[in-house]
Amino acid sequence: MQNPFESGHIKNYIYLYASVVVIMILFFIASTLFIDVKQVDKKVFNTDISKPQHETKIVEVKKEKKFKLLEKSY
């Protein structure tokens, strides 16, 4: 096996590494330039409590069962 430092192949490895770094930098620049950040409105919660909590109705939702269980377990 040849030593890459002696045979001159190290130059190709450095070019490969540099090209990967350049591509990563270009993708970072493109993502910061072309993606518009939308303005997010501040959420305002209703703090006016007109009804006490004990008067609110609890609605029970009956869901259809997808699976039928066995009556006897084994």
PDB file of N, CA and C in Angstrom:
ATOM      1  N   MET A   1       0.843  -1.173   0.000  1.00  0.00           N
ATOM      2  CA  MET A   1       0.000   0.000   0.000  1.00  0.00           C
ATOM      3  C   MET A   1       0.886   1.232   0.000  1.00  0.00           C
ATOM      4  N   GLN A   2       0.474   2.209  -0.774  1.00  0.00           N
ATOM      5  CA  GLN A   2       1.281   3.411  -0.906  1.00  0.00           C
ATOM      6  C   GLN A   2       0.902   4.436   0.153  1.00  0.00           C
ATOM      7  N   ASN A   3       1.883   5.174   0.572  1.00  0.00           N
ATOM      8  CA  ASN A   3       1.667   6.244   1.526  1.00  0.00           C
ATOM      9  C   ASN A   3       1.122   7.450   0.764  1.00  0.00           C
ATOM     10  N   PRO A   4      -0.081   7.979   1.140  1.00  0.00           N
ATOM     11  CA  PRO A   4      -0.643   9.103   0.378  1.00  0.00           C
ATOM     12  C   PRO A   4       0.185  10.378   0.494  1.00  0.00           C
ATOM     13  N   PHE A   5       0.976  10.500   1.554  1.00  0.00           N
ATOM     14  CA  PHE A   5       1.814  11.691   1.679  1.00  0.00           C
ATOM     15  C   PHE A   5       2.980  11.648   0.704  1.00  0.00           C
ATOM     16  N   GLU A   6       3.476  10.471   0.419  1.00  0.00           N
ATOM     17  CA  GLU A   6       4.630  10.352  -0.482  1.00  0.00           C
ATOM     18  C   GLU A   6       4.206  10.304  -1.943  1.00  0.00           C
ATOM     19  N   SER A   7       3.036   9.741  -2.241  1.00  0.00           N
ATOM     20  CA  SER A   7       2.630   9.576  -3.639  1.00  0.00           C
ATOM     21  C   SER A   7       1.895  10.798  -4.193  1.00  0.00           C
ATOM     22  N   GLY A   8       1.554  11.758  -3.385  1.00  0.00           N
ATOM     23  CA  GLY A   8       0.898  12.968  -3.873  1.00  0.00           C
ATOM     24  C   GLY A   8      -0.616  12.895  -3.848  1.00  0.00           C
ATOM     25  N   HIS A   9      -1.177  11.815  -3.326  1.00  0.00           N
ATOM     26  CA  HIS A   9      -2.641  11.696  -3.270  1.00  0.00           C
ATOM     27  C   HIS A   9      -3.260  12.568  -2.184  1.00  0.00           C
ATOM     28  N   ILE A  10      -2.448  13.064  -1.282  1.00  0.00           N
ATOM     29  CA  ILE A  10      -2.987  13.885  -0.191  1.00  0.00           C
ATOM     30  C   ILE A  10      -3.604  15.162  -0.739  1.00  0.00           C
ATOM     31  N   LYS A  11      -3.092  15.620  -1.878  1.00  0.00           N
ATOM     32  CA  LYS A  11      -3.638  16.823  -2.504  1.00  0.00           C
ATOM     33  C   LYS A  11      -5.098  16.588  -2.911  1.00  0.00           C
ATOM     34  N   ASN A  12      -5.414  15.404  -3.412  1.00  0.00           N
ATOM     35  CA  ASN A  12      -6.790  15.085  -3.803  1.00  0.00           C
ATOM     36  C   ASN A  12      -7.705  15.031  -2.584  1.00  0.00           C
ATOM     37  N   TYR A  13      -7.200  14.510  -1.464  1.00  0.00           N
ATOM     38  CA  TYR A  13      -8.006  14.463  -0.242  1.00  0.00           C
ATOM     39  C   TYR A  13      -8.290  15.865   0.288  1.00  0.00           C
ATOM     40  N   ILE A  14      -7.313  16.738   0.187  1.00  0.00           N
ATOM     41  CA  ILE A  14      -7.504  18.118   0.636  1.00  0.00           C
ATOM     42  C   ILE A  14      -8.511  18.824  -0.263  1.00  0.00           C
ATOM     43  N   TYR A  15      -8.437  18.595  -1.584  1.00  0.00           N
ATOM     44  CA  TYR A  15      -9.417  19.177  -2.502  1.00  0.00           C
ATOM     45  C   TYR A  15     -10.826  18.665  -2.209  1.00  0.00           C
ATOM     46  N   LEU A  16     -10.952  17.400  -1.906  1.00  0.00           N
ATOM     47  CA  LEU A  16     -12.250  16.827  -1.578  1.00  0.00           C
ATOM     48  C   LEU A  16     -12.809  17.461  -0.310  1.00  0.00           C
ATOM     49  N   TYR A  17     -11.992  17.566   0.713  1.00  0.00           N
ATOM     50  CA  TYR A  17     -12.431  18.180   1.971  1.00  0.00           C
ATOM     51  C   TYR A  17     -12.820  19.637   1.758  1.00  0.00           C
ATOM     52  N   ALA A  18     -12.015  20.384   1.013  1.00  0.00           N
ATOM     53  CA  ALA A  18     -12.299  21.800   0.760  1.00  0.00           C
ATOM     54  C   ALA A  18     -13.584  21.962  -0.048  1.00  0.00           C
ATOM     55  N   SER A  19     -13.825  21.076  -1.007  1.00  0.00           N
ATOM     56  CA  SER A  19     -15.042  21.189  -1.810  1.00  0.00           C
ATOM     57  C   SER A  19     -16.282  20.899  -0.965  1.00  0.00           C
ATOM     58  N   VAL A  20     -16.208  19.944  -0.039  1.00  0.00           N
ATOM     59  CA  VAL A  20     -17.339  19.662   0.845  1.00  0.00           C
ATOM     60  C   VAL A  20     -17.616  20.864   1.747  1.00  0.00           C
ATOM     61  N   VAL A  21     -16.581  21.489   2.255  1.00  0.00           N
ATOM     62  CA  VAL A  21     -16.754  22.660   3.114  1.00  0.00           C
ATOM     63  C   VAL A  21     -17.354  23.820   2.320  1.00  0.00           C
ATOM     64  N   VAL A  22     -16.909  24.020   1.091  1.00  0.00           N
ATOM     65  CA  VAL A  22     -17.443  25.099   0.259  1.00  0.00           C
ATOM     66  C   VAL A  22     -18.920  24.859  -0.050  1.00  0.00           C
ATOM     67  N   ILE A  23     -19.282  23.611  -0.351  1.00  0.00           N
ATOM     68  CA  ILE A  23     -20.687  23.291  -0.627  1.00  0.00           C
ATOM     69  C   ILE A  23     -21.539  23.532   0.610  1.00  0.00           C
ATOM     70  N   MET A  24     -21.041  23.174   1.789  1.00  0.00           N
ATOM     71  CA  MET A  24     -21.802  23.421   3.020  1.00  0.00           C
ATOM     72  C   MET A  24     -21.984  24.919   3.248  1.00  0.00           C
ATOM     73  N   ILE A  25     -20.969  25.711   2.997  1.00  0.00           N
ATOM     74  CA  ILE A  25     -21.068  27.161   3.170  1.00  0.00           C
ATOM     75  C   ILE A  25     -22.058  27.748   2.171  1.00  0.00           C
ATOM     76  N   LEU A  26     -22.039  27.268   0.927  1.00  0.00           N
ATOM     77  CA  LEU A  26     -22.980  27.775  -0.073  1.00  0.00           C
ATOM     78  C   LEU A  26     -24.420  27.432   0.286  1.00  0.00           C
ATOM     79  N   PHE A  27     -24.654  26.227   0.794  1.00  0.00           N
ATOM     80  CA  PHE A  27     -26.003  25.867   1.219  1.00  0.00           C
ATOM     81  C   PHE A  27     -26.452  26.720   2.405  1.00  0.00           C
ATOM     82  N   PHE A  28     -25.549  27.034   3.310  1.00  0.00           N
ATOM     83  CA  PHE A  28     -25.896  27.888   4.447  1.00  0.00           C
ATOM     84  C   PHE A  28     -26.259  29.289   3.980  1.00  0.00           C
ATOM     85  N   ILE A  29     -25.481  29.823   3.066  1.00  0.00           N
ATOM     86  CA  ILE A  29     -25.761  31.168   2.547  1.00  0.00           C
ATOM     87  C   ILE A  29     -27.084  31.176   1.791  1.00  0.00           C
ATOM     88  N   ALA A  30     -27.327  30.148   0.982  1.00  0.00           N
ATOM     89  CA  ALA A  30     -28.579  30.086   0.229  1.00  0.00           C
ATOM     90  C   ALA A  30     -29.776  29.952   1.154  1.00  0.00           C
ATOM     91  N   SER A  31     -29.635  29.204   2.223  1.00  0.00           N
ATOM     92  CA  SER A  31     -30.767  29.036   3.138  1.00  0.00           C
ATOM     93  C   SER A  31     -31.054  30.319   3.908  1.00  0.00           C
ATOM     94  N   THR A  32     -30.049  31.118   4.195  1.00  0.00           N
ATOM     95  CA  THR A  32     -30.295  32.360   4.926  1.00  0.00           C
ATOM     96  C   THR A  32     -30.804  33.457   3.997  1.00  0.00           C
ATOM     97  N   LEU A  33     -30.464  33.422   2.725  1.00  0.00           N
ATOM     98  CA  LEU A  33     -30.893  34.478   1.819  1.00  0.00           C
ATOM     99  C   LEU A  33     -32.296  34.256   1.274  1.00  0.00           C
ATOM    100  N   PHE A  34     -32.609  33.030   0.899  1.00  0.00           N
ATOM    101  CA  PHE A  34     -33.838  32.779   0.148  1.00  0.00           C
ATOM    102  C   PHE A  34     -35.018  32.348   0.990  1.00  0.00           C
ATOM    103  N   ILE A  35     -34.831  32.039   2.240  1.00  0.00           N
ATOM    104  CA  ILE A  35     -35.950  31.660   3.097  1.00  0.00           C
ATOM    105  C   ILE A  35     -36.409  32.899   3.853  1.00  0.00           C
ATOM    106  N   ASP A  36     -37.665  33.293   3.586  1.00  0.00           N
ATOM    107  CA  ASP A  36     -38.215  34.470   4.256  1.00  0.00           C
ATOM    108  C   ASP A  36     -38.790  34.053   5.602  1.00  0.00           C
ATOM    109  N   VAL A  37     -38.433  34.784   6.632  1.00  0.00           N
ATOM    110  CA  VAL A  37     -38.954  34.516   7.963  1.00  0.00           C
ATOM    111  C   VAL A  37     -40.233  35.321   8.127  1.00  0.00           C
ATOM    112  N   LYS A  38     -41.341  34.630   8.375  1.00  0.00           N
ATOM    113  CA  LYS A  38     -42.617  35.314   8.527  1.00  0.00           C
ATOM    114  C   LYS A  38     -42.718  35.923   9.922  1.00  0.00           C
ATOM    115  N   GLN A  39     -43.375  37.065   9.975  1.00  0.00           N
ATOM    116  CA  GLN A  39     -43.572  37.734  11.252  1.00  0.00           C
ATOM    117  C   GLN A  39     -44.652  36.987  12.033  1.00  0.00           C
ATOM    118  N   VAL A  40     -44.354  36.587  13.233  1.00  0.00           N
ATOM    119  CA  VAL A  40     -45.286  35.843  14.060  1.00  0.00           C
ATOM    120  C   VAL A  40     -45.972  36.813  15.007  1.00  0.00           C
ATOM    121  N   ASP A  41     -47.316  36.807  14.970  1.00  0.00           N
ATOM    122  CA  ASP A  41     -48.077  37.681  15.859  1.00  0.00           C
ATOM    123  C   ASP A  41     -48.044  37.132  17.273  1.00  0.00           C
ATOM    124  N   LYS A  42     -48.053  38.053  18.220  1.00  0.00           N
ATOM    125  CA  LYS A  42     -48.051  37.655  19.623  1.00  0.00           C
ATOM    126  C   LYS A  42     -49.428  37.134  20.001  1.00  0.00           C
ATOM    127  N   LYS A  43     -49.485  35.998  20.657  1.00  0.00           N
ATOM    128  CA  LYS A  43     -50.760  35.408  21.052  1.00  0.00           C
ATOM    129  C   LYS A  43     -51.265  36.091  22.320  1.00  0.00           C
ATOM    130  N   VAL A  44     -52.538  36.431  22.312  1.00  0.00           N
ATOM    131  CA  VAL A  44     -53.172  37.059  23.460  1.00  0.00           C
ATOM    132  C   VAL A  44     -54.242  36.103  23.961  1.00  0.00           C
ATOM    133  N   PHE A  45     -54.145  35.719  25.197  1.00  0.00           N
ATOM    134  CA  PHE A  45     -55.091  34.787  25.781  1.00  0.00           C
ATOM    135  C   PHE A  45     -56.192  35.551  26.505  1.00  0.00           C
ATOM    136  N   ASN A  46     -57.386  34.976  26.474  1.00  0.00           N
ATOM    137  CA  ASN A  46     -58.525  35.586  27.129  1.00  0.00           C
ATOM    138  C   ASN A  46     -58.383  35.403  28.637  1.00  0.00           C
ATOM    139  N   THR A  47     -58.222  36.503  29.344  1.00  0.00           N
ATOM    140  CA  THR A  47     -58.061  36.428  30.798  1.00  0.00           C
ATOM    141  C   THR A  47     -59.349  36.764  31.529  1.00  0.00           C
ATOM    142  N   ASP A  48     -60.395  37.147  30.791  1.00  0.00           N
ATOM    143  CA  ASP A  48     -61.678  37.470  31.399  1.00  0.00           C
ATOM    144  C   ASP A  48     -62.449  36.178  31.649  1.00  0.00           C
ATOM    145  N   ILE A  49     -62.618  35.819  32.907  1.00  0.00           N
ATOM    146  CA  ILE A  49     -63.334  34.603  33.272  1.00  0.00           C
ATOM    147  C   ILE A  49     -64.732  35.014  33.705  1.00  0.00           C
ATOM    148  N   SER A  50     -65.728  34.716  32.862  1.00  0.00           N
ATOM    149  CA  SER A  50     -67.086  35.127  33.181  1.00  0.00           C
ATOM    150  C   SER A  50     -67.874  34.014  33.862  1.00  0.00           C
ATOM    151  N   LYS A  51     -67.539  32.741  33.602  1.00  0.00           N
ATOM    152  CA  LYS A  51     -68.266  31.632  34.218  1.00  0.00           C
ATOM    153  C   LYS A  51     -67.344  30.902  35.195  1.00  0.00           C
ATOM    154  N   PRO A  52     -67.887  30.510  36.315  1.00  0.00           N
ATOM    155  CA  PRO A  52     -67.089  29.662  37.204  1.00  0.00           C
ATOM    156  C   PRO A  52     -66.855  28.298  36.546  1.00  0.00           C
ATOM    157  N   GLN A  53     -65.840  27.631  36.980  1.00  0.00           N
ATOM    158  CA  GLN A  53     -65.469  26.380  36.335  1.00  0.00           C
ATOM    159  C   GLN A  53     -66.452  25.259  36.643  1.00  0.00           C
ATOM    160  N   HIS A  54     -67.136  25.294  37.759  1.00  0.00           N
ATOM    161  CA  HIS A  54     -68.025  24.191  38.107  1.00  0.00           C
ATOM    162  C   HIS A  54     -69.314  24.207  37.286  1.00  0.00           C
ATOM    163  N   GLU A  55     -69.623  25.309  36.590  1.00  0.00           N
ATOM    164  CA  GLU A  55     -70.825  25.376  35.779  1.00  0.00           C
ATOM    165  C   GLU A  55     -70.596  24.895  34.347  1.00  0.00           C
ATOM    166  N   THR A  56     -69.400  24.707  33.972  1.00  0.00           N
ATOM    167  CA  THR A  56     -69.135  24.266  32.605  1.00  0.00           C
ATOM    168  C   THR A  56     -69.526  22.809  32.441  1.00  0.00           C
ATOM    169  N   LYS A  57     -70.004  22.475  31.282  1.00  0.00           N
ATOM    170  CA  LYS A  57     -70.455  21.116  31.010  1.00  0.00           C
ATOM    171  C   LYS A  57     -69.303  20.291  30.469  1.00  0.00           C
ATOM    172  N   ILE A  58     -69.271  19.057  30.906  1.00  0.00           N
ATOM    173  CA  ILE A  58     -68.274  18.126  30.402  1.00  0.00           C
ATOM    174  C   ILE A  58     -68.973  17.232  29.387  1.00  0.00           C
ATOM    175  N   VAL A  59     -68.496  17.274  28.186  1.00  0.00           N
ATOM    176  CA  VAL A  59     -69.112  16.503  27.116  1.00  0.00           C
ATOM    177  C   VAL A  59     -68.331  15.211  26.961  1.00  0.00           C
ATOM    178  N   GLU A  60     -69.050  14.107  27.077  1.00  0.00           N
ATOM    179  CA  GLU A  60     -68.411  12.814  26.904  1.00  0.00           C
ATOM    180  C   GLU A  60     -68.606  12.364  25.466  1.00  0.00           C
ATOM    181  N   VAL A  61     -67.539  11.958  24.871  1.00  0.00           N
ATOM    182  CA  VAL A  61     -67.590  11.518  23.489  1.00  0.00           C
ATOM    183  C   VAL A  61     -67.451  10.013  23.478  1.00  0.00           C
ATOM    184  N   LYS A  62     -68.437   9.362  22.889  1.00  0.00           N
ATOM    185  CA  LYS A  62     -68.379   7.909  22.784  1.00  0.00           C
ATOM    186  C   LYS A  62     -67.728   7.567  21.459  1.00  0.00           C
ATOM    187  N   LYS A  63     -66.671   6.795  21.548  1.00  0.00           N
ATOM    188  CA  LYS A  63     -65.964   6.376  20.349  1.00  0.00           C
ATOM    189  C   LYS A  63     -66.331   4.929  20.041  1.00  0.00           C
ATOM    190  N   GLU A  64     -66.455   4.662  18.767  1.00  0.00           N
ATOM    191  CA  GLU A  64     -66.712   3.290  18.377  1.00  0.00           C
ATOM    192  C   GLU A  64     -65.434   2.482  18.570  1.00  0.00           C
ATOM    193  N   LYS A  65     -65.609   1.289  19.107  1.00  0.00           N
ATOM    194  CA  LYS A  65     -64.448   0.454  19.334  1.00  0.00           C
ATOM    195  C   LYS A  65     -64.036  -0.200  18.024  1.00  0.00           C
ATOM    196  N   LYS A  66     -62.768  -0.120  17.737  1.00  0.00           N
ATOM    197  CA  LYS A  66     -62.264  -0.726  16.509  1.00  0.00           C
ATOM    198  C   LYS A  66     -62.053  -2.216  16.690  1.00  0.00           C
ATOM    199  N   PHE A  67     -61.760  -2.633  17.916  1.00  0.00           N
ATOM    200  CA  PHE A  67     -61.463  -4.022  18.178  1.00  0.00           C
ATOM    201  C   PHE A  67     -62.443  -4.565  19.211  1.00  0.00           C
ATOM    202  N   LYS A  68     -62.845  -5.780  19.034  1.00  0.00           N
ATOM    203  CA  LYS A  68     -63.718  -6.422  19.997  1.00  0.00           C
ATOM    204  C   LYS A  68     -62.845  -7.329  20.870  1.00  0.00           C
ATOM    205  N   LEU A  69     -62.913  -7.113  22.173  1.00  0.00           N
ATOM    206  CA  LEU A  69     -62.104  -7.892  23.102  1.00  0.00           C
ATOM    207  C   LEU A  69     -62.770  -9.215  23.387  1.00  0.00           C
ATOM    208  N   LEU A  70     -61.965 -10.181  23.702  1.00  0.00           N
ATOM    209  CA  LEU A  70     -62.507 -11.505  24.055  1.00  0.00           C
ATOM    210  C   LEU A  70     -63.149 -11.442  25.435  1.00  0.00           C
ATOM    211  N   GLU A  71     -64.208 -12.220  25.573  1.00  0.00           N
ATOM    212  CA  GLU A  71     -64.899 -12.231  26.868  1.00  0.00           C
ATOM    213  C   GLU A  71     -64.102 -12.985  27.917  1.00  0.00           C
ATOM    214  N   LYS A  72     -63.347 -13.956  27.472  1.00  0.00           N
ATOM    215  CA  LYS A  72     -62.570 -14.767  28.393  1.00  0.00           C
ATOM    216  C   LYS A  72     -61.100 -14.652  28.019  1.00  0.00           C
ATOM    217  N   SER A  73     -60.258 -14.384  29.001  1.00  0.00           N
ATOM    218  CA  SER A  73     -58.842 -14.279  28.720  1.00  0.00           C
ATOM    219  C   SER A  73     -58.166 -15.625  28.971  1.00  0.00           C
ATOM    220  N   TYR A  74     -57.162 -15.888  28.207  1.00  0.00           N
ATOM    221  CA  TYR A  74     -56.466 -17.178  28.301  1.00  0.00           C
ATOM    222  C   TYR A  74     -55.108 -17.005  28.932  1.00  0.00           C
TER     223      TYR A  74
END
